[in-house]
């Protein structure tokens, strides 16, 4: 489950920001996770709870916003929404798609005290 290492990475970012900005407690963590990022949201929540236990983010709420997958179809020259890599273009059925969005995971903001 790579979500555990992703959650550890988020905690590292939180701790780095705490050291730089001087906050002592995190109340909320806001992530954006793309549909094409290969991250299981439920596993991410579980992993976040596990890695933050006993840290400055132990009581933080985790808010995750799912970002839809987007691609450019090279056959019909349209931007399209896709939910999985390898899906065909919903407009023309071509498999010549270039992913243009929804494949990232970003820490958008922190609520701190």
PDB file of N, CA and C in Angstrom:
ATOM      1  N   UNK A   1       0.860  -1.172   0.000  1.00  0.00           N
ATOM      2  CA  UNK A   1       0.000   0.000   0.000  1.00  0.00           C
ATOM      3  C   UNK A   1       0.905   1.233   0.000  1.00  0.00           C
ATOM      4  N   UNK A   2       1.010   1.892  -1.152  1.00  0.00           N
ATOM      5  CA  UNK A   2       1.871   3.067  -1.262  1.00  0.00           C
ATOM      6  C   UNK A   2       1.247   4.306  -0.620  1.00  0.00           C
ATOM      7  N   UNK A   3      -0.013   4.227  -0.239  1.00  0.00           N
ATOM      8  CA  UNK A   3      -0.649   5.355   0.435  1.00  0.00           C
ATOM      9  C   UNK A   3       0.035   5.671   1.760  1.00  0.00           C
ATOM     10  N   UNK A   4       0.613   4.656   2.392  1.00  0.00           N
ATOM     11  CA  UNK A   4       1.326   4.892   3.658  1.00  0.00           C
ATOM     12  C   UNK A   4       2.526   5.802   3.419  1.00  0.00           C
ATOM     13  N   UNK A   5       3.286   5.540   2.365  1.00  0.00           N
ATOM     14  CA  UNK A   5       4.438   6.415   2.091  1.00  0.00           C
ATOM     15  C   UNK A   5       3.979   7.796   1.636  1.00  0.00           C
ATOM     16  N   UNK A   6       2.855   7.872   0.948  1.00  0.00           N
ATOM     17  CA  UNK A   6       2.316   9.187   0.570  1.00  0.00           C
ATOM     18  C   UNK A   6       1.898   9.972   1.813  1.00  0.00           C
ATOM     19  N   UNK A   7       1.254   9.297   2.752  1.00  0.00           N
ATOM     20  CA  UNK A   7       0.852   9.962   3.998  1.00  0.00           C
ATOM     21  C   UNK A   7       2.080  10.407   4.793  1.00  0.00           C
ATOM     22  N   UNK A   8       3.135   9.601   4.786  1.00  0.00           N
ATOM     23  CA  UNK A   8       4.375  10.006   5.451  1.00  0.00           C
ATOM     24  C   UNK A   8       4.974  11.237   4.778  1.00  0.00           C
ATOM     25  N   UNK A   9       4.867  11.313   3.461  1.00  0.00           N
ATOM     26  CA  UNK A   9       5.338  12.490   2.735  1.00  0.00           C
ATOM     27  C   UNK A   9       4.547  13.737   3.101  1.00  0.00           C
ATOM     28  N   UNK A  10       3.226  13.588   3.254  1.00  0.00           N
ATOM     29  CA  UNK A  10       2.388  14.715   3.670  1.00  0.00           C
ATOM     30  C   UNK A  10       2.800  15.165   5.075  1.00  0.00           C
ATOM     31  N   UNK A  11       3.026  14.205   5.968  1.00  0.00           N
ATOM     32  CA  UNK A  11       3.458  14.556   7.325  1.00  0.00           C
ATOM     33  C   UNK A  11       4.815  15.265   7.302  1.00  0.00           C
ATOM     34  N   UNK A  12       5.708  14.826   6.448  1.00  0.00           N
ATOM     35  CA  UNK A  12       7.003  15.511   6.318  1.00  0.00           C
ATOM     36  C   UNK A  12       6.812  16.969   5.896  1.00  0.00           C
ATOM     37  N   UNK A  13       5.913  17.197   4.937  1.00  0.00           N
ATOM     38  CA  UNK A  13       5.627  18.574   4.503  1.00  0.00           C
ATOM     39  C   UNK A  13       5.043  19.401   5.648  1.00  0.00           C
ATOM     40  N   UNK A  14       4.149  18.798   6.412  1.00  0.00           N
ATOM     41  CA  UNK A  14       3.543  19.490   7.551  1.00  0.00           C
ATOM     42  C   UNK A  14       4.614  19.872   8.562  1.00  0.00           C
ATOM     43  N   UNK A  15       5.485  18.920   8.900  1.00  0.00           N
ATOM     44  CA  UNK A  15       6.527  19.184   9.886  1.00  0.00           C
ATOM     45  C   UNK A  15       7.525  20.228   9.391  1.00  0.00           C
ATOM     46  N   UNK A  16       7.844  20.185   8.108  1.00  0.00           N
ATOM     47  CA  UNK A  16       8.748  21.194   7.532  1.00  0.00           C
ATOM     48  C   UNK A  16       8.117  22.584   7.625  1.00  0.00           C
ATOM     49  N   UNK A  17       6.830  22.686   7.268  1.00  0.00           N
ATOM     50  CA  UNK A  17       6.142  23.970   7.363  1.00  0.00           C
ATOM     51  C   UNK A  17       6.032  24.443   8.807  1.00  0.00           C
ATOM     52  N   UNK A  18       5.814  23.530   9.732  1.00  0.00           N
ATOM     53  CA  UNK A  18       5.732  23.897  11.148  1.00  0.00           C
ATOM     54  C   UNK A  18       7.053  24.475  11.628  1.00  0.00           C
ATOM     55  N   UNK A  19       8.163  23.879  11.208  1.00  0.00           N
ATOM     56  CA  UNK A  19       9.483  24.378  11.611  1.00  0.00           C
ATOM     57  C   UNK A  19       9.750  25.756  11.012  1.00  0.00           C
ATOM     58  N   UNK A  20       9.332  25.961   9.760  1.00  0.00           N
ATOM     59  CA  UNK A  20       9.577  27.239   9.088  1.00  0.00           C
ATOM     60  C   UNK A  20       8.657  28.343   9.583  1.00  0.00           C
ATOM     61  N   UNK A  21       7.397  27.997   9.889  1.00  0.00           N
ATOM     62  CA  UNK A  21       6.402  29.020  10.205  1.00  0.00           C
ATOM     63  C   UNK A  21       6.048  29.097  11.682  1.00  0.00           C
ATOM     64  N   UNK A  22       6.499  28.144  12.474  1.00  0.00           N
ATOM     65  CA  UNK A  22       6.324  28.225  13.911  1.00  0.00           C
ATOM     66  C   UNK A  22       4.951  27.867  14.449  1.00  0.00           C
ATOM     67  N   UNK A  23       4.187  27.053  13.771  1.00  0.00           N
ATOM     68  CA  UNK A  23       2.920  26.634  14.360  1.00  0.00           C
ATOM     69  C   UNK A  23       3.114  25.321  15.117  1.00  0.00           C
ATOM     70  N   UNK A  24       2.221  25.093  16.103  1.00  0.00           N
ATOM     71  CA  UNK A  24       2.394  23.947  16.994  1.00  0.00           C
ATOM     72  C   UNK A  24       1.355  22.857  16.801  1.00  0.00           C
ATOM     73  N   UNK A  25       0.282  23.175  16.089  1.00  0.00           N
ATOM     74  CA  UNK A  25      -0.811  22.203  15.954  1.00  0.00           C
ATOM     75  C   UNK A  25      -1.489  22.388  14.617  1.00  0.00           C
ATOM     76  N   UNK A  26      -1.862  21.290  14.010  1.00  0.00           N
ATOM     77  CA  UNK A  26      -2.580  21.319  12.736  1.00  0.00           C
ATOM     78  C   UNK A  26      -4.015  20.883  12.987  1.00  0.00           C
ATOM     79  N   UNK A  27      -4.940  21.721  12.546  1.00  0.00           N
ATOM     80  CA  UNK A  27      -6.359  21.428  12.726  1.00  0.00           C
ATOM     81  C   UNK A  27      -6.979  20.784  11.491  1.00  0.00           C
ATOM     82  N   UNK A  28      -6.461  21.134  10.326  1.00  0.00           N
ATOM     83  CA  UNK A  28      -7.019  20.599   9.088  1.00  0.00           C
ATOM     84  C   UNK A  28      -5.975  20.508   7.995  1.00  0.00           C
ATOM     85  N   UNK A  29      -6.095  19.464   7.186  1.00  0.00           N
ATOM     86  CA  UNK A  29      -5.205  19.240   6.053  1.00  0.00           C
ATOM     87  C   UNK A  29      -6.100  19.077   4.825  1.00  0.00           C
ATOM     88  N   UNK A  30      -5.799  19.856   3.781  1.00  0.00           N
ATOM     89  CA  UNK A  30      -6.606  19.839   2.558  1.00  0.00           C
ATOM     90  C   UNK A  30      -5.757  19.337   1.394  1.00  0.00           C
ATOM     91  N   UNK A  31      -6.157  18.190   0.844  1.00  0.00           N
ATOM     92  CA  UNK A  31      -5.461  17.589  -0.281  1.00  0.00           C
ATOM     93  C   UNK A  31      -6.347  17.583  -1.506  1.00  0.00           C
ATOM     94  N   UNK A  32      -5.716  17.637  -2.678  1.00  0.00           N
ATOM     95  CA  UNK A  32      -6.384  17.362  -3.945  1.00  0.00           C
ATOM     96  C   UNK A  32      -5.721  16.121  -4.514  1.00  0.00           C
ATOM     97  N   UNK A  33      -6.548  15.133  -4.861  1.00  0.00           N
ATOM     98  CA  UNK A  33      -6.021  13.896  -5.418  1.00  0.00           C
ATOM     99  C   UNK A  33      -6.749  13.611  -6.727  1.00  0.00           C
ATOM    100  N   UNK A  34      -5.974  13.502  -7.798  1.00  0.00           N
ATOM    101  CA  UNK A  34      -6.544  13.231  -9.103  1.00  0.00           C
ATOM    102  C   UNK A  34      -7.010  11.793  -9.241  1.00  0.00           C
ATOM    103  N   UNK A  35      -8.072  11.615 -10.022  1.00  0.00           N
ATOM    104  CA  UNK A  35      -8.603  10.272 -10.275  1.00  0.00           C
ATOM    105  C   UNK A  35      -7.568   9.356 -10.914  1.00  0.00           C
ATOM    106  N   UNK A  36      -6.629   9.935 -11.641  1.00  0.00           N
ATOM    107  CA  UNK A  36      -5.631   9.150 -12.356  1.00  0.00           C
ATOM    108  C   UNK A  36      -4.323   9.019 -11.584  1.00  0.00           C
ATOM    109  N   UNK A  37      -4.296   9.483 -10.338  1.00  0.00           N
ATOM    110  CA  UNK A  37      -3.070   9.461  -9.543  1.00  0.00           C
ATOM    111  C   UNK A  37      -2.767   8.077  -8.965  1.00  0.00           C
ATOM    112  N   UNK A  38      -3.720   7.176  -9.021  1.00  0.00           N
ATOM    113  CA  UNK A  38      -3.500   5.835  -8.492  1.00  0.00           C
ATOM    114  C   UNK A  38      -3.498   5.773  -6.975  1.00  0.00           C
ATOM    115  N   UNK A  39      -4.258   6.678  -6.347  1.00  0.00           N
ATOM    116  CA  UNK A  39      -4.323   6.735  -4.887  1.00  0.00           C
ATOM    117  C   UNK A  39      -5.720   6.314  -4.450  1.00  0.00           C
ATOM    118  N   UNK A  40      -5.783   5.324  -3.580  1.00  0.00           N
ATOM    119  CA  UNK A  40      -7.052   4.895  -3.008  1.00  0.00           C
ATOM    120  C   UNK A  40      -7.383   5.844  -1.852  1.00  0.00           C
ATOM    121  N   UNK A  41      -8.489   6.551  -1.972  1.00  0.00           N
ATOM    122  CA  UNK A  41      -8.847   7.591  -0.993  1.00  0.00           C
ATOM    123  C   UNK A  41      -9.024   7.002   0.411  1.00  0.00           C
ATOM    124  N   UNK A  42      -9.723   5.872   0.518  1.00  0.00           N
ATOM    125  CA  UNK A  42      -9.940   5.264   1.833  1.00  0.00           C
ATOM    126  C   UNK A  42      -8.614   4.824   2.462  1.00  0.00           C
ATOM    127  N   UNK A  43      -7.728   4.249   1.656  1.00  0.00           N
ATOM    128  CA  UNK A  43      -6.417   3.834   2.156  1.00  0.00           C
ATOM    129  C   UNK A  43      -5.598   5.053   2.576  1.00  0.00           C
ATOM    130  N   UNK A  44      -5.761   6.160   1.852  1.00  0.00           N
ATOM    131  CA  UNK A  44      -5.044   7.392   2.205  1.00  0.00           C
ATOM    132  C   UNK A  44      -5.529   7.916   3.556  1.00  0.00           C
ATOM    133  N   UNK A  45      -6.832   7.900   3.778  1.00  0.00           N
ATOM    134  CA  UNK A  45      -7.377   8.350   5.061  1.00  0.00           C
ATOM    135  C   UNK A  45      -6.842   7.483   6.213  1.00  0.00           C
ATOM    136  N   UNK A  46      -6.885   6.173   6.020  1.00  0.00           N
ATOM    137  CA  UNK A  46      -6.378   5.246   7.039  1.00  0.00           C
ATOM    138  C   UNK A  46      -4.899   5.506   7.311  1.00  0.00           C
ATOM    139  N   UNK A  47      -4.126   5.632   6.260  1.00  0.00           N
ATOM    140  CA  UNK A  47      -2.684   5.854   6.384  1.00  0.00           C
ATOM    141  C   UNK A  47      -2.382   7.178   7.064  1.00  0.00           C
ATOM    142  N   UNK A  48      -3.129   8.220   6.713  1.00  0.00           N
ATOM    143  CA  UNK A  48      -2.931   9.528   7.334  1.00  0.00           C
ATOM    144  C   UNK A  48      -3.175   9.438   8.835  1.00  0.00           C
ATOM    145  N   UNK A  49      -4.249   8.786   9.233  1.00  0.00           N
ATOM    146  CA  UNK A  49      -4.544   8.627  10.664  1.00  0.00           C
ATOM    147  C   UNK A  49      -3.424   7.865  11.368  1.00  0.00           C
ATOM    148  N   UNK A  50      -2.895   6.843  10.698  1.00  0.00           N
ATOM    149  CA  UNK A  50      -1.841   6.026  11.305  1.00  0.00           C
ATOM    150  C   UNK A  50      -0.538   6.811  11.478  1.00  0.00           C
ATOM    151  N   UNK A  51      -0.115   7.527  10.452  1.00  0.00           N
ATOM    152  CA  UNK A  51       1.187   8.207  10.525  1.00  0.00           C
ATOM    153  C   UNK A  51       1.147   9.487  11.360  1.00  0.00           C
ATOM    154  N   UNK A  52      -0.014  10.089  11.529  1.00  0.00           N
ATOM    155  CA  UNK A  52      -0.083  11.333  12.295  1.00  0.00           C
ATOM    156  C   UNK A  52      -0.328  11.105  13.780  1.00  0.00           C
ATOM    157  N   UNK A  53      -0.592   9.877  14.182  1.00  0.00           N
ATOM    158  CA  UNK A  53      -0.810   9.575  15.595  1.00  0.00           C
ATOM    159  C   UNK A  53       0.398  10.018  16.409  1.00  0.00           C
ATOM    160  N   UNK A  54       0.144  10.828  17.442  1.00  0.00           N
ATOM    161  CA  UNK A  54       1.213  11.307  18.308  1.00  0.00           C
ATOM    162  C   UNK A  54       2.024  12.466  17.750  1.00  0.00           C
ATOM    163  N   UNK A  55       1.560  13.079  16.658  1.00  0.00           N
ATOM    164  CA  UNK A  55       2.273  14.205  16.052  1.00  0.00           C
ATOM    165  C   UNK A  55       1.453  15.482  16.198  1.00  0.00           C
ATOM    166  N   UNK A  56       1.980  16.582  15.686  1.00  0.00           N
ATOM    167  CA  UNK A  56       1.260  17.847  15.733  1.00  0.00           C
ATOM    168  C   UNK A  56       0.000  17.828  14.868  1.00  0.00           C
ATOM    169  N   UNK A  57      -0.150  16.805  14.031  1.00  0.00           N
ATOM    170  CA  UNK A  57      -1.335  16.676  13.178  1.00  0.00           C
ATOM    171  C   UNK A  57      -2.259  15.546  13.633  1.00  0.00           C
ATOM    172  N   UNK A  58      -2.065  15.078  14.869  1.00  0.00           N
ATOM    173  CA  UNK A  58      -2.824  13.927  15.366  1.00  0.00           C
ATOM    174  C   UNK A  58      -4.332  14.142  15.354  1.00  0.00           C
ATOM    175  N   UNK A  59      -4.773  15.355  15.602  1.00  0.00           N
ATOM    176  CA  UNK A  59      -6.212  15.627  15.674  1.00  0.00           C
ATOM    177  C   UNK A  59      -6.727  16.356  14.434  1.00  0.00           C
ATOM    178  N   UNK A  60      -5.902  16.439  13.420  1.00  0.00           N
ATOM    179  CA  UNK A  60      -6.293  17.170  12.206  1.00  0.00           C
ATOM    180  C   UNK A  60      -7.339  16.403  11.410  1.00  0.00           C
ATOM    181  N   UNK A  61      -8.261  17.156  10.848  1.00  0.00           N
ATOM    182  CA  UNK A  61      -9.207  16.547   9.912  1.00  0.00           C
ATOM    183  C   UNK A  61      -8.549  16.536   8.538  1.00  0.00           C
ATOM    184  N   UNK A  62      -8.814  15.494   7.794  1.00  0.00           N
ATOM    185  CA  UNK A  62      -8.261  15.356   6.451  1.00  0.00           C
ATOM    186  C   UNK A  62      -9.385  15.564   5.454  1.00  0.00           C
ATOM    187  N   UNK A  63      -9.265  16.626   4.666  1.00  0.00           N
ATOM    188  CA  UNK A  63     -10.238  16.940   3.625  1.00  0.00           C
ATOM    189  C   UNK A  63      -9.598  16.606   2.278  1.00  0.00           C
ATOM    190  N   UNK A  64     -10.238  15.704   1.533  1.00  0.00           N
ATOM    191  CA  UNK A  64      -9.706  15.307   0.239  1.00  0.00           C
ATOM    192  C   UNK A  64     -10.703  15.682  -0.847  1.00  0.00           C
ATOM    193  N   UNK A  65     -10.222  16.443  -1.818  1.00  0.00           N
ATOM    194  CA  UNK A  65     -11.038  16.799  -2.976  1.00  0.00           C
ATOM    195  C   UNK A  65     -10.539  15.980  -4.162  1.00  0.00           C
ATOM    196  N   UNK A  66     -11.452  15.200  -4.742  1.00  0.00           N
ATOM    197  CA  UNK A  66     -11.104  14.398  -5.912  1.00  0.00           C
ATOM    198  C   UNK A  66     -11.123  15.285  -7.158  1.00  0.00           C
ATOM    199  N   UNK A  67     -10.080  15.171  -7.963  1.00  0.00           N
ATOM    200  CA  UNK A  67      -9.960  15.943  -9.195  1.00  0.00           C
ATOM    201  C   UNK A  67     -10.181  14.987 -10.371  1.00  0.00           C
ATOM    202  N   UNK A  68     -11.128  15.316 -11.256  1.00  0.00           N
ATOM    203  CA  UNK A  68     -11.404  14.417 -12.373  1.00  0.00           C
ATOM    204  C   UNK A  68     -10.217  14.282 -13.329  1.00  0.00           C
ATOM    205  N   UNK A  69     -10.130  13.116 -13.955  1.00  0.00           N
ATOM    206  CA  UNK A  69      -9.096  12.890 -14.955  1.00  0.00           C
ATOM    207  C   UNK A  69      -9.445  13.588 -16.253  1.00  0.00           C
ATOM    208  N   UNK A  70      -8.443  14.175 -16.890  1.00  0.00           N
ATOM    209  CA  UNK A  70      -8.644  14.880 -18.153  1.00  0.00           C
ATOM    210  C   UNK A  70      -7.577  14.443 -19.142  1.00  0.00           C
ATOM    211  N   UNK A  71      -7.959  14.441 -20.412  1.00  0.00           N
ATOM    212  CA  UNK A  71      -7.013  14.052 -21.462  1.00  0.00           C
ATOM    213  C   UNK A  71      -7.327  14.806 -22.740  1.00  0.00           C
ATOM    214  N   UNK A  72      -6.325  14.844 -23.625  1.00  0.00           N
ATOM    215  CA  UNK A  72      -6.471  15.421 -24.950  1.00  0.00           C
ATOM    216  C   UNK A  72      -6.472  14.258 -25.934  1.00  0.00           C
ATOM    217  N   UNK A  73      -7.529  14.188 -26.760  1.00  0.00           N
ATOM    218  CA  UNK A  73      -7.603  13.144 -27.764  1.00  0.00           C
ATOM    219  C   UNK A  73      -6.886  13.632 -29.019  1.00  0.00           C
ATOM    220  N   UNK A  74      -5.862  12.899 -29.410  1.00  0.00           N
ATOM    221  CA  UNK A  74      -5.085  13.287 -30.589  1.00  0.00           C
ATOM    222  C   UNK A  74      -5.816  12.965 -31.888  1.00  0.00           C
ATOM    223  N   UNK A  75      -6.822  12.113 -31.825  1.00  0.00           N
ATOM    224  CA  UNK A  75      -7.574  11.767 -33.035  1.00  0.00           C
ATOM    225  C   UNK A  75      -8.646  12.804 -33.357  1.00  0.00           C
ATOM    226  N   UNK A  76      -9.454  13.144 -32.362  1.00  0.00           N
ATOM    227  CA  UNK A  76     -10.561  14.074 -32.635  1.00  0.00           C
ATOM    228  C   UNK A  76     -10.282  15.493 -32.138  1.00  0.00           C
ATOM    229  N   UNK A  77      -9.101  15.705 -31.525  1.00  0.00           N
ATOM    230  CA  UNK A  77      -8.676  17.034 -31.067  1.00  0.00           C
ATOM    231  C   UNK A  77      -9.664  17.674 -30.098  1.00  0.00           C
ATOM    232  N   UNK A  78     -10.081  16.880 -29.102  1.00  0.00           N
ATOM    233  CA  UNK A  78     -10.972  17.376 -28.050  1.00  0.00           C
ATOM    234  C   UNK A  78     -10.361  17.092 -26.689  1.00  0.00           C
ATOM    235  N   UNK A  79     -10.633  17.979 -25.757  1.00  0.00           N
ATOM    236  CA  UNK A  79     -10.330  17.704 -24.360  1.00  0.00           C
ATOM    237  C   UNK A  79     -11.478  16.883 -23.804  1.00  0.00           C
ATOM    238  N   UNK A  80     -11.158  15.767 -23.128  1.00  0.00           N
ATOM    239  CA  UNK A  80     -12.196  14.862 -22.634  1.00  0.00           C
ATOM    240  C   UNK A  80     -11.928  14.487 -21.185  1.00  0.00           C
ATOM    241  N   UNK A  81     -12.969  14.045 -20.508  1.00  0.00           N
ATOM    242  CA  UNK A  81     -12.859  13.521 -19.149  1.00  0.00           C
ATOM    243  C   UNK A  81     -12.715  12.012 -19.217  1.00  0.00           C
ATOM    244  N   UNK A  82     -11.783  11.484 -18.420  1.00  0.00           N
ATOM    245  CA  UNK A  82     -11.612  10.035 -18.327  1.00  0.00           C
ATOM    246  C   UNK A  82     -11.480   9.662 -16.861  1.00  0.00           C
ATOM    247  N   UNK A  83     -11.876   8.445 -16.528  1.00  0.00           N
ATOM    248  CA  UNK A  83     -11.797   8.017 -15.131  1.00  0.00           C
ATOM    249  C   UNK A  83     -10.662   7.041 -14.887  1.00  0.00           C
ATOM    250  N   UNK A  84     -10.102   6.467 -15.971  1.00  0.00           N
ATOM    251  CA  UNK A  84      -8.978   5.536 -15.828  1.00  0.00           C
ATOM    252  C   UNK A  84      -8.046   5.675 -17.011  1.00  0.00           C
ATOM    253  N   UNK A  85      -6.771   5.471 -16.754  1.00  0.00           N
ATOM    254  CA  UNK A  85      -5.806   5.411 -17.852  1.00  0.00           C
ATOM    255  C   UNK A  85      -6.159   4.205 -18.699  1.00  0.00           C
ATOM    256  N   UNK A  86      -6.007   4.331 -19.993  1.00  0.00           N
ATOM    257  CA  UNK A  86      -6.326   3.231 -20.895  1.00  0.00           C
ATOM    258  C   UNK A  86      -7.754   3.241 -21.396  1.00  0.00           C
ATOM    259  N   UNK A  87      -8.586   4.138 -20.857  1.00  0.00           N
ATOM    260  CA  UNK A  87      -9.947   4.271 -21.366  1.00  0.00           C
ATOM    261  C   UNK A  87      -9.902   4.908 -22.748  1.00  0.00           C
ATOM    262  N   UNK A  88     -10.870   4.579 -23.600  1.00  0.00           N
ATOM    263  CA  UNK A  88     -10.924   5.232 -24.909  1.00  0.00           C
ATOM    264  C   UNK A  88     -11.533   6.629 -24.810  1.00  0.00           C
ATOM    265  N   UNK A  89     -11.342   7.400 -25.850  1.00  0.00           N
ATOM    266  CA  UNK A  89     -11.974   8.716 -25.933  1.00  0.00           C
ATOM    267  C   UNK A  89     -13.486   8.523 -25.931  1.00  0.00           C
ATOM    268  N   UNK A  90     -14.200   9.221 -25.049  1.00  0.00           N
ATOM    269  CA  UNK A  90     -15.654   9.078 -25.014  1.00  0.00           C
ATOM    270  C   UNK A  90     -16.339   9.679 -26.253  1.00  0.00           C
ATOM    271  N   UNK A  91     -15.613  10.514 -27.003  1.00  0.00           N
ATOM    272  CA  UNK A  91     -16.205  11.134 -28.193  1.00  0.00           C
ATOM    273  C   UNK A  91     -16.020  10.284 -29.445  1.00  0.00           C
ATOM    274  N   UNK A  92     -14.793   9.768 -29.672  1.00  0.00           N
ATOM    275  CA  UNK A  92     -14.527   9.070 -30.939  1.00  0.00           C
ATOM    276  C   UNK A  92     -14.089   7.620 -30.779  1.00  0.00           C
ATOM    277  N   UNK A  93     -13.799   7.190 -29.541  1.00  0.00           N
ATOM    278  CA  UNK A  93     -13.394   5.813 -29.300  1.00  0.00           C
ATOM    279  C   UNK A  93     -11.904   5.543 -29.473  1.00  0.00           C
ATOM    280  N   UNK A  94     -11.132   6.547 -29.835  1.00  0.00           N
ATOM    281  CA  UNK A  94      -9.696   6.386 -30.026  1.00  0.00           C
ATOM    282  C   UNK A  94      -8.994   6.166 -28.684  1.00  0.00           C
ATOM    283  N   UNK A  95      -7.875   5.458 -28.750  1.00  0.00           N
ATOM    284  CA  UNK A  95      -7.050   5.256 -27.558  1.00  0.00           C
ATOM    285  C   UNK A  95      -5.825   6.166 -27.558  1.00  0.00           C
ATOM    286  N   UNK A  96      -5.778   7.107 -28.459  1.00  0.00           N
ATOM    287  CA  UNK A  96      -4.654   8.035 -28.550  1.00  0.00           C
ATOM    288  C   UNK A  96      -4.928   9.254 -27.675  1.00  0.00           C
ATOM    289  N   UNK A  97      -4.826   9.036 -26.380  1.00  0.00           N
ATOM    290  CA  UNK A  97      -5.114  10.088 -25.416  1.00  0.00           C
ATOM    291  C   UNK A  97      -3.843  10.486 -24.672  1.00  0.00           C
ATOM    292  N   UNK A  98      -3.694  11.773 -24.469  1.00  0.00           N
ATOM    293  CA  UNK A  98      -2.603  12.325 -23.668  1.00  0.00           C
ATOM    294  C   UNK A  98      -3.217  12.906 -22.399  1.00  0.00           C
ATOM    295  N   UNK A  99      -2.835  12.362 -21.250  1.00  0.00           N
ATOM    296  CA  UNK A  99      -3.363  12.849 -19.973  1.00  0.00           C
ATOM    297  C   UNK A  99      -2.916  14.290 -19.764  1.00  0.00           C
ATOM    298  N   UNK A 100      -3.875  15.156 -19.416  1.00  0.00           N
ATOM    299  CA  UNK A 100      -3.575  16.570 -19.193  1.00  0.00           C
ATOM    300  C   UNK A 100      -3.932  17.038 -17.779  1.00  0.00           C
ATOM    301  N   UNK A 101      -4.606  16.212 -17.004  1.00  0.00           N
ATOM    302  CA  UNK A 101      -4.969  16.614 -15.649  1.00  0.00           C
ATOM    303  C   UNK A 101      -5.533  15.460 -14.849  1.00  0.00           C
ATOM    304  N   UNK A 102      -5.545  15.644 -13.537  1.00  0.00           N
ATOM    305  CA  UNK A 102      -6.106  14.630 -12.657  1.00  0.00           C
ATOM    306  C   UNK A 102      -5.149  13.505 -12.335  1.00  0.00           C
ATOM    307  N   UNK A 103      -3.850  13.740 -12.529  1.00  0.00           N
ATOM    308  CA  UNK A 103      -2.874  12.690 -12.225  1.00  0.00           C
ATOM    309  C   UNK A 103      -1.918  13.102 -11.102  1.00  0.00           C
ATOM    310  N   UNK A 104      -2.267  14.143 -10.351  1.00  0.00           N
ATOM    311  CA  UNK A 104      -1.416  14.661  -9.290  1.00  0.00           C
ATOM    312  C   UNK A 104      -2.068  14.494  -7.923  1.00  0.00           C
ATOM    313  N   UNK A 105      -1.248  14.625  -6.909  1.00  0.00           N
ATOM    314  CA  UNK A 105      -1.724  14.751  -5.541  1.00  0.00           C
ATOM    315  C   UNK A 105      -1.035  15.982  -4.980  1.00  0.00           C
ATOM    316  N   UNK A 106      -1.813  16.917  -4.445  1.00  0.00           N
ATOM    317  CA  UNK A 106      -1.241  18.168  -3.928  1.00  0.00           C
ATOM    318  C   UNK A 106      -1.766  18.497  -2.545  1.00  0.00           C
ATOM    319  N   UNK A 107      -0.865  18.958  -1.707  1.00  0.00           N
ATOM    320  CA  UNK A 107      -1.252  19.522  -0.426  1.00  0.00           C
ATOM    321  C   UNK A 107      -1.643  20.970  -0.716  1.00  0.00           C
ATOM    322  N   UNK A 108      -2.939  21.259  -0.628  1.00  0.00           N
ATOM    323  CA  UNK A 108      -3.434  22.583  -1.000  1.00  0.00           C
ATOM    324  C   UNK A 108      -3.326  23.595   0.150  1.00  0.00           C
ATOM    325  N   UNK A 109      -3.673  23.165   1.357  1.00  0.00           N
ATOM    326  CA  UNK A 109      -3.600  24.106   2.475  1.00  0.00           C
ATOM    327  C   UNK A 109      -3.630  23.372   3.804  1.00  0.00           C
ATOM    328  N   UNK A 110      -3.230  24.121   4.831  1.00  0.00           N
ATOM    329  CA  UNK A 110      -3.260  23.625   6.207  1.00  0.00           C
ATOM    330  C   UNK A 110      -3.994  24.643   7.064  1.00  0.00           C
ATOM    331  N   UNK A 111      -4.768  24.141   8.007  1.00  0.00           N
ATOM    332  CA  UNK A 111      -5.354  24.978   9.053  1.00  0.00           C
ATOM    333  C   UNK A 111      -4.522  24.731  10.288  1.00  0.00           C
ATOM    334  N   UNK A 112      -3.927  25.788  10.821  1.00  0.00           N
ATOM    335  CA  UNK A 112      -2.977  25.608  11.929  1.00  0.00           C
ATOM    336  C   UNK A 112      -3.306  26.506  13.108  1.00  0.00           C
ATOM    337  N   UNK A 113      -2.667  26.215  14.197  1.00  0.00           N
ATOM    338  CA  UNK A 113      -2.855  26.982  15.426  1.00  0.00           C
ATOM    339  C   UNK A 113      -1.505  27.259  16.055  1.00  0.00           C
TER     340      UNK A 113
END
